[in-house]
Amino acid sequence: MRKTLAVALMLTASLGLAACDKKSEDKAQDANQHAEQAQQDMNKAQDKVNDAAKENADAAKAQAESNAAAQEEAAKKQ
């Protein structure tokens, strides 16, 4: 009786593990997909950083031009 119960329990446990475990190929494919998605997200983030840097440079240039124009106006008034 004990031997039969032990065999049945071992069979049930091994079938349960076999049914729930993903294959290593599936895990590798999932990892590759996540890595590709992460790379795409990093590229998008870098593009946004580059756009923000360009906007900051344009704003600094516009500020410098505005300051120069203000100085010219002040010089003309004196």
PDB file of N, CA and C in Angstrom:
ATOM      1  N   MET A   1       0.824  -1.187   0.000  1.00  0.00           N
ATOM      2  CA  MET A   1       0.000   0.000   0.000  1.00  0.00           C
ATOM      3  C   MET A   1       0.867   1.248   0.000  1.00  0.00           C
ATOM      4  N   ARG A   2       1.900   1.258   0.843  1.00  0.00           N
ATOM      5  CA  ARG A   2       2.770   2.432   0.913  1.00  0.00           C
ATOM      6  C   ARG A   2       3.529   2.631  -0.390  1.00  0.00           C
ATOM      7  N   LYS A   3       3.971   1.508  -0.978  1.00  0.00           N
ATOM      8  CA  LYS A   3       4.729   1.603  -2.213  1.00  0.00           C
ATOM      9  C   LYS A   3       3.843   2.138  -3.336  1.00  0.00           C
ATOM     10  N   THR A   4       2.618   1.695  -3.413  1.00  0.00           N
ATOM     11  CA  THR A   4       1.685   2.165  -4.424  1.00  0.00           C
ATOM     12  C   THR A   4       1.394   3.651  -4.229  1.00  0.00           C
ATOM     13  N   LEU A   5       1.190   4.065  -3.015  1.00  0.00           N
ATOM     14  CA  LEU A   5       0.923   5.469  -2.710  1.00  0.00           C
ATOM     15  C   LEU A   5       2.135   6.335  -3.054  1.00  0.00           C
ATOM     16  N   ALA A   6       3.316   5.859  -2.752  1.00  0.00           N
ATOM     17  CA  ALA A   6       4.539   6.606  -3.051  1.00  0.00           C
ATOM     18  C   ALA A   6       4.730   6.754  -4.555  1.00  0.00           C
ATOM     19  N   VAL A   7       4.486   5.691  -5.297  1.00  0.00           N
ATOM     20  CA  VAL A   7       4.628   5.742  -6.751  1.00  0.00           C
ATOM     21  C   VAL A   7       3.585   6.693  -7.344  1.00  0.00           C
ATOM     22  N   ALA A   8       2.380   6.612  -6.866  1.00  0.00           N
ATOM     23  CA  ALA A   8       1.323   7.499  -7.366  1.00  0.00           C
ATOM     24  C   ALA A   8       1.647   8.958  -7.058  1.00  0.00           C
ATOM     25  N   LEU A   9       2.153   9.228  -5.877  1.00  0.00           N
ATOM     26  CA  LEU A   9       2.525  10.581  -5.489  1.00  0.00           C
ATOM     27  C   LEU A   9       3.679  11.103  -6.345  1.00  0.00           C
ATOM     28  N   MET A  10       4.674  10.280  -6.603  1.00  0.00           N
ATOM     29  CA  MET A  10       5.811  10.669  -7.442  1.00  0.00           C
ATOM     30  C   MET A  10       5.371  10.926  -8.882  1.00  0.00           C
ATOM     31  N   LEU A  11       4.479  10.093  -9.390  1.00  0.00           N
ATOM     32  CA  LEU A  11       3.960  10.267 -10.744  1.00  0.00           C
ATOM     33  C   LEU A  11       3.180  11.572 -10.858  1.00  0.00           C
ATOM     34  N   THR A  12       2.355  11.842  -9.873  1.00  0.00           N
ATOM     35  CA  THR A  12       1.565  13.074  -9.865  1.00  0.00           C
ATOM     36  C   THR A  12       2.472  14.306  -9.798  1.00  0.00           C
ATOM     37  N   ALA A  13       3.478  14.256  -8.960  1.00  0.00           N
ATOM     38  CA  ALA A  13       4.401  15.384  -8.820  1.00  0.00           C
ATOM     39  C   ALA A  13       5.182  15.612 -10.108  1.00  0.00           C
ATOM     40  N   SER A  14       5.662  14.546 -10.738  1.00  0.00           N
ATOM     41  CA  SER A  14       6.447  14.710 -11.970  1.00  0.00           C
ATOM     42  C   SER A  14       5.586  15.215 -13.110  1.00  0.00           C
ATOM     43  N   LEU A  15       4.341  14.768 -13.205  1.00  0.00           N
ATOM     44  CA  LEU A  15       3.446  15.281 -14.238  1.00  0.00           C
ATOM     45  C   LEU A  15       3.116  16.759 -13.998  1.00  0.00           C
ATOM     46  N   GLY A  16       2.947  17.116 -12.753  1.00  0.00           N
ATOM     47  CA  GLY A  16       2.670  18.515 -12.429  1.00  0.00           C
ATOM     48  C   GLY A  16       3.825  19.423 -12.797  1.00  0.00           C
ATOM     49  N   LEU A  17       5.027  18.986 -12.521  1.00  0.00           N
ATOM     50  CA  LEU A  17       6.199  19.788 -12.877  1.00  0.00           C
ATOM     51  C   LEU A  17       6.379  19.866 -14.389  1.00  0.00           C
ATOM     52  N   ALA A  18       6.155  18.780 -15.071  1.00  0.00           N
ATOM     53  CA  ALA A  18       6.326  18.758 -16.522  1.00  0.00           C
ATOM     54  C   ALA A  18       5.290  19.640 -17.212  1.00  0.00           C
ATOM     55  N   ALA A  19       4.104  19.708 -16.675  1.00  0.00           N
ATOM     56  CA  ALA A  19       3.035  20.493 -17.299  1.00  0.00           C
ATOM     57  C   ALA A  19       3.219  21.989 -17.066  1.00  0.00           C
ATOM     58  N   CYS A  20       3.824  22.390 -15.976  1.00  0.00           N
ATOM     59  CA  CYS A  20       3.921  23.802 -15.622  1.00  0.00           C
ATOM     60  C   CYS A  20       5.191  24.472 -16.123  1.00  0.00           C
ATOM     61  N   ASP A  21       6.210  23.730 -16.397  1.00  0.00           N
ATOM     62  CA  ASP A  21       7.504  24.321 -16.737  1.00  0.00           C
ATOM     63  C   ASP A  21       7.538  24.732 -18.201  1.00  0.00           C
ATOM     64  N   LYS A  22       8.048  25.941 -18.468  1.00  0.00           N
ATOM     65  CA  LYS A  22       8.248  26.376 -19.837  1.00  0.00           C
ATOM     66  C   LYS A  22       9.544  25.765 -20.359  1.00  0.00           C
ATOM     67  N   LYS A  23       9.605  25.585 -21.632  1.00  0.00           N
ATOM     68  CA  LYS A  23      10.832  25.082 -22.227  1.00  0.00           C
ATOM     69  C   LYS A  23      11.869  26.199 -22.229  1.00  0.00           C
ATOM     70  N   SER A  24      13.108  25.818 -22.253  1.00  0.00           N
ATOM     71  CA  SER A  24      14.177  26.819 -22.240  1.00  0.00           C
ATOM     72  C   SER A  24      14.152  27.660 -23.510  1.00  0.00           C
ATOM     73  N   GLU A  25      13.684  27.087 -24.611  1.00  0.00           N
ATOM     74  CA  GLU A  25      13.582  27.855 -25.851  1.00  0.00           C
ATOM     75  C   GLU A  25      12.551  28.969 -25.702  1.00  0.00           C
ATOM     76  N   ASP A  26      11.435  28.662 -25.054  1.00  0.00           N
ATOM     77  CA  ASP A  26      10.416  29.674 -24.825  1.00  0.00           C
ATOM     78  C   ASP A  26      10.963  30.791 -23.950  1.00  0.00           C
ATOM     79  N   LYS A  27      11.713  30.418 -22.942  1.00  0.00           N
ATOM     80  CA  LYS A  27      12.297  31.412 -22.050  1.00  0.00           C
ATOM     81  C   LYS A  27      13.300  32.278 -22.807  1.00  0.00           C
ATOM     82  N   ALA A  28      14.083  31.681 -23.676  1.00  0.00           N
ATOM     83  CA  ALA A  28      15.069  32.434 -24.448  1.00  0.00           C
ATOM     84  C   ALA A  28      14.373  33.389 -25.415  1.00  0.00           C
ATOM     85  N   GLN A  29      13.295  32.940 -26.041  1.00  0.00           N
ATOM     86  CA  GLN A  29      12.554  33.813 -26.944  1.00  0.00           C
ATOM     87  C   GLN A  29      11.936  34.976 -26.187  1.00  0.00           C
ATOM     88  N   ASP A  30      11.371  34.700 -25.027  1.00  0.00           N
ATOM     89  CA  ASP A  30      10.800  35.769 -24.208  1.00  0.00           C
ATOM     90  C   ASP A  30      11.873  36.770 -23.798  1.00  0.00           C
ATOM     91  N   ALA A  31      13.030  36.271 -23.426  1.00  0.00           N
ATOM     92  CA  ALA A  31      14.127  37.151 -23.024  1.00  0.00           C
ATOM     93  C   ALA A  31      14.570  38.019 -24.193  1.00  0.00           C
ATOM     94  N   ASN A  32      14.647  37.438 -25.389  1.00  0.00           N
ATOM     95  CA  ASN A  32      15.035  38.209 -26.571  1.00  0.00           C
ATOM     96  C   ASN A  32      13.999  39.277 -26.891  1.00  0.00           C
ATOM     97  N   GLN A  33      12.735  38.927 -26.783  1.00  0.00           N
ATOM     98  CA  GLN A  33      11.686  39.910 -27.046  1.00  0.00           C
ATOM     99  C   GLN A  33      11.756  41.061 -26.047  1.00  0.00           C
ATOM    100  N   HIS A  34      11.972  40.741 -24.792  1.00  0.00           N
ATOM    101  CA  HIS A  34      12.076  41.788 -23.778  1.00  0.00           C
ATOM    102  C   HIS A  34      13.310  42.652 -24.006  1.00  0.00           C
ATOM    103  N   ALA A  35      14.393  42.037 -24.433  1.00  0.00           N
ATOM    104  CA  ALA A  35      15.615  42.800 -24.709  1.00  0.00           C
ATOM    105  C   ALA A  35      15.406  43.737 -25.895  1.00  0.00           C
ATOM    106  N   GLU A  36      14.738  43.255 -26.935  1.00  0.00           N
ATOM    107  CA  GLU A  36      14.451  44.103 -28.091  1.00  0.00           C
ATOM    108  C   GLU A  36      13.539  45.265 -27.708  1.00  0.00           C
ATOM    109  N   GLN A  37      12.532  44.982 -26.909  1.00  0.00           N
ATOM    110  CA  GLN A  37      11.611  46.036 -26.461  1.00  0.00           C
ATOM    111  C   GLN A  37      12.353  47.067 -25.620  1.00  0.00           C
ATOM    112  N   ALA A  38      13.234  46.601 -24.758  1.00  0.00           N
ATOM    113  CA  ALA A  38      14.017  47.511 -23.930  1.00  0.00           C
ATOM    114  C   ALA A  38      14.919  48.383 -24.795  1.00  0.00           C
ATOM    115  N   GLN A  39      15.509  47.795 -25.826  1.00  0.00           N
ATOM    116  CA  GLN A  39      16.380  48.565 -26.726  1.00  0.00           C
ATOM    117  C   GLN A  39      15.568  49.621 -27.475  1.00  0.00           C
ATOM    118  N   GLN A  40      14.379  49.268 -27.928  1.00  0.00           N
ATOM    119  CA  GLN A  40      13.524  50.232 -28.616  1.00  0.00           C
ATOM    120  C   GLN A  40      13.143  51.367 -27.678  1.00  0.00           C
ATOM    121  N   ASP A  41      12.809  51.028 -26.441  1.00  0.00           N
ATOM    122  CA  ASP A  41      12.450  52.053 -25.461  1.00  0.00           C
ATOM    123  C   ASP A  41      13.642  52.965 -25.162  1.00  0.00           C
ATOM    124  N   MET A  42      14.826  52.381 -25.094  1.00  0.00           N
ATOM    125  CA  MET A  42      16.022  53.192 -24.860  1.00  0.00           C
ATOM    126  C   MET A  42      16.283  54.125 -26.043  1.00  0.00           C
ATOM    127  N   ASN A  43      16.067  53.646 -27.258  1.00  0.00           N
ATOM    128  CA  ASN A  43      16.239  54.495 -28.434  1.00  0.00           C
ATOM    129  C   ASN A  43      15.252  55.657 -28.429  1.00  0.00           C
ATOM    130  N   LYS A  44      14.003  55.370 -28.065  1.00  0.00           N
ATOM    131  CA  LYS A  44      12.997  56.436 -27.980  1.00  0.00           C
ATOM    132  C   LYS A  44      13.390  57.456 -26.923  1.00  0.00           C
ATOM    133  N   ALA A  45      13.856  56.981 -25.800  1.00  0.00           N
ATOM    134  CA  ALA A  45      14.261  57.882 -24.720  1.00  0.00           C
ATOM    135  C   ALA A  45      15.448  58.736 -25.166  1.00  0.00           C
ATOM    136  N   GLN A  46      16.398  58.141 -25.874  1.00  0.00           N
ATOM    137  CA  GLN A  46      17.554  58.901 -26.354  1.00  0.00           C
ATOM    138  C   GLN A  46      17.120  59.954 -27.370  1.00  0.00           C
ATOM    139  N   ASP A  47      16.158  59.612 -28.222  1.00  0.00           N
ATOM    140  CA  ASP A  47      15.642  60.590 -29.176  1.00  0.00           C
ATOM    141  C   ASP A  47      15.000  61.773 -28.451  1.00  0.00           C
ATOM    142  N   LYS A  48      14.265  61.480 -27.393  1.00  0.00           N
ATOM    143  CA  LYS A  48      13.641  62.555 -26.628  1.00  0.00           C
ATOM    144  C   LYS A  48      14.684  63.430 -25.945  1.00  0.00           C
ATOM    145  N   VAL A  49      15.736  62.814 -25.441  1.00  0.00           N
ATOM    146  CA  VAL A  49      16.817  63.580 -24.812  1.00  0.00           C
ATOM    147  C   VAL A  49      17.487  64.469 -25.857  1.00  0.00           C
ATOM    148  N   ASN A  50      17.719  63.928 -27.048  1.00  0.00           N
ATOM    149  CA  ASN A  50      18.333  64.713 -28.116  1.00  0.00           C
ATOM    150  C   ASN A  50      17.438  65.881 -28.529  1.00  0.00           C
ATOM    151  N   ASP A  51      16.138  65.627 -28.635  1.00  0.00           N
ATOM    152  CA  ASP A  51      15.197  66.701 -28.973  1.00  0.00           C
ATOM    153  C   ASP A  51      15.200  67.790 -27.904  1.00  0.00           C
ATOM    154  N   ALA A  52      15.226  67.383 -26.655  1.00  0.00           N
ATOM    155  CA  ALA A  52      15.237  68.360 -25.566  1.00  0.00           C
ATOM    156  C   ALA A  52      16.528  69.171 -25.584  1.00  0.00           C
ATOM    157  N   ALA A  53      17.641  68.540 -25.867  1.00  0.00           N
ATOM    158  CA  ALA A  53      18.917  69.261 -25.939  1.00  0.00           C
ATOM    159  C   ALA A  53      18.901  70.263 -27.081  1.00  0.00           C
ATOM    160  N   LYS A  54      18.319  69.878 -28.204  1.00  0.00           N
ATOM    161  CA  LYS A  54      18.226  70.795 -29.348  1.00  0.00           C
ATOM    162  C   LYS A  54      17.329  71.981 -29.002  1.00  0.00           C
ATOM    163  N   GLU A  55      16.209  71.719 -28.346  1.00  0.00           N
ATOM    164  CA  GLU A  55      15.311  72.800 -27.941  1.00  0.00           C
ATOM    165  C   GLU A  55      16.004  73.738 -26.956  1.00  0.00           C
ATOM    166  N   ASN A  56      16.785  73.192 -26.037  1.00  0.00           N
ATOM    167  CA  ASN A  56      17.529  74.027 -25.087  1.00  0.00           C
ATOM    168  C   ASN A  56      18.553  74.893 -25.812  1.00  0.00           C
ATOM    169  N   ALA A  57      19.227  74.318 -26.794  1.00  0.00           N
ATOM    170  CA  ALA A  57      20.209  75.086 -27.565  1.00  0.00           C
ATOM    171  C   ALA A  57      19.528  76.204 -28.346  1.00  0.00           C
ATOM    172  N   ASP A  58      18.382  75.892 -28.949  1.00  0.00           N
ATOM    173  CA  ASP A  58      17.635  76.912 -29.686  1.00  0.00           C
ATOM    174  C   ASP A  58      17.154  78.016 -28.752  1.00  0.00           C
ATOM    175  N   ALA A  59      16.702  77.640 -27.570  1.00  0.00           N
ATOM    176  CA  ALA A  59      16.237  78.626 -26.603  1.00  0.00           C
ATOM    177  C   ALA A  59      17.392  79.506 -26.119  1.00  0.00           C
ATOM    178  N   ALA A  60      18.542  78.913 -25.907  1.00  0.00           N
ATOM    179  CA  ALA A  60      19.709  79.693 -25.479  1.00  0.00           C
ATOM    180  C   ALA A  60      20.132  80.667 -26.573  1.00  0.00           C
ATOM    181  N   LYS A  61      20.081  80.232 -27.826  1.00  0.00           N
ATOM    182  CA  LYS A  61      20.417  81.105 -28.945  1.00  0.00           C
ATOM    183  C   LYS A  61      19.422  82.261 -29.035  1.00  0.00           C
ATOM    184  N   ALA A  62      18.150  81.957 -28.894  1.00  0.00           N
ATOM    185  CA  ALA A  62      17.127  83.002 -28.938  1.00  0.00           C
ATOM    186  C   ALA A  62      17.301  83.976 -27.780  1.00  0.00           C
ATOM    187  N   GLN A  63      17.651  83.483 -26.621  1.00  0.00           N
ATOM    188  CA  GLN A  63      17.878  84.349 -25.454  1.00  0.00           C
ATOM    189  C   GLN A  63      19.072  85.263 -25.692  1.00  0.00           C
ATOM    190  N   ALA A  64      20.129  84.699 -26.272  1.00  0.00           N
ATOM    191  CA  ALA A  64      21.315  85.502 -26.563  1.00  0.00           C
ATOM    192  C   ALA A  64      20.993  86.599 -27.577  1.00  0.00           C
ATOM    193  N   GLU A  65      20.229  86.263 -28.593  1.00  0.00           N
ATOM    194  CA  GLU A  65      19.823  87.266 -29.582  1.00  0.00           C
ATOM    195  C   GLU A  65      18.955  88.341 -28.945  1.00  0.00           C
ATOM    196  N   SER A  66      18.072  87.927 -28.062  1.00  0.00           N
ATOM    197  CA  SER A  66      17.209  88.885 -27.366  1.00  0.00           C
ATOM    198  C   SER A  66      18.034  89.808 -26.479  1.00  0.00           C
ATOM    199  N   ASN A  67      19.009  89.254 -25.777  1.00  0.00           N
ATOM    200  CA  ASN A  67      19.881  90.078 -24.927  1.00  0.00           C
ATOM    201  C   ASN A  67      20.685  91.064 -25.764  1.00  0.00           C
ATOM    202  N   ALA A  68      21.186  90.633 -26.929  1.00  0.00           N
ATOM    203  CA  ALA A  68      21.947  91.512 -27.809  1.00  0.00           C
ATOM    204  C   ALA A  68      21.069  92.640 -28.327  1.00  0.00           C
ATOM    205  N   ALA A  69      19.845  92.321 -28.701  1.00  0.00           N
ATOM    206  CA  ALA A  69      18.922  93.345 -29.186  1.00  0.00           C
ATOM    207  C   ALA A  69      18.586  94.333 -28.075  1.00  0.00           C
ATOM    208  N   ALA A  70      18.421  93.850 -26.864  1.00  0.00           N
ATOM    209  CA  ALA A  70      18.127  94.730 -25.737  1.00  0.00           C
ATOM    210  C   ALA A  70      19.311  95.651 -25.453  1.00  0.00           C
ATOM    211  N   GLN A  71      20.507  95.142 -25.576  1.00  0.00           N
ATOM    212  CA  GLN A  71      21.701  95.974 -25.354  1.00  0.00           C
ATOM    213  C   GLN A  71      21.823  97.043 -26.433  1.00  0.00           C
ATOM    214  N   GLU A  72      21.500  96.697 -27.663  1.00  0.00           N
ATOM    215  CA  GLU A  72      21.538  97.687 -28.750  1.00  0.00           C
ATOM    216  C   GLU A  72      20.513  98.783 -28.513  1.00  0.00           C
ATOM    217  N   GLU A  73      19.328  98.408 -28.068  1.00  0.00           N
ATOM    218  CA  GLU A  73      18.287  99.398 -27.770  1.00  0.00           C
ATOM    219  C   GLU A  73      18.731 100.324 -26.638  1.00  0.00           C
ATOM    220  N   ALA A  74      19.334  99.739 -25.620  1.00  0.00           N
ATOM    221  CA  ALA A  74      19.788 100.534 -24.495  1.00  0.00           C
ATOM    222  C   ALA A  74      20.907 101.488 -24.937  1.00  0.00           C
ATOM    223  N   ALA A  75      21.776 101.016 -25.831  1.00  0.00           N
ATOM    224  CA  ALA A  75      22.874 101.858 -26.305  1.00  0.00           C
ATOM    225  C   ALA A  75      22.339 103.011 -27.160  1.00  0.00           C
ATOM    226  N   LYS A  76      21.294 102.762 -27.949  1.00  0.00           N
ATOM    227  CA  LYS A  76      20.701 103.809 -28.802  1.00  0.00           C
ATOM    228  C   LYS A  76      20.031 104.883 -27.972  1.00  0.00           C
ATOM    229  N   LYS A  77      19.463 104.513 -26.849  1.00  0.00           N
ATOM    230  CA  LYS A  77      18.753 105.467 -25.990  1.00  0.00           C
ATOM    231  C   LYS A  77      19.717 106.380 -25.229  1.00  0.00           C
ATOM    232  N   GLN A  78      20.926 105.970 -25.061  1.00  0.00           N
ATOM    233  CA  GLN A  78      21.883 106.781 -24.290  1.00  0.00           C
ATOM    234  C   GLN A  78      22.555 107.727 -25.168  1.00  0.00           C
TER     235      GLN A  78
END
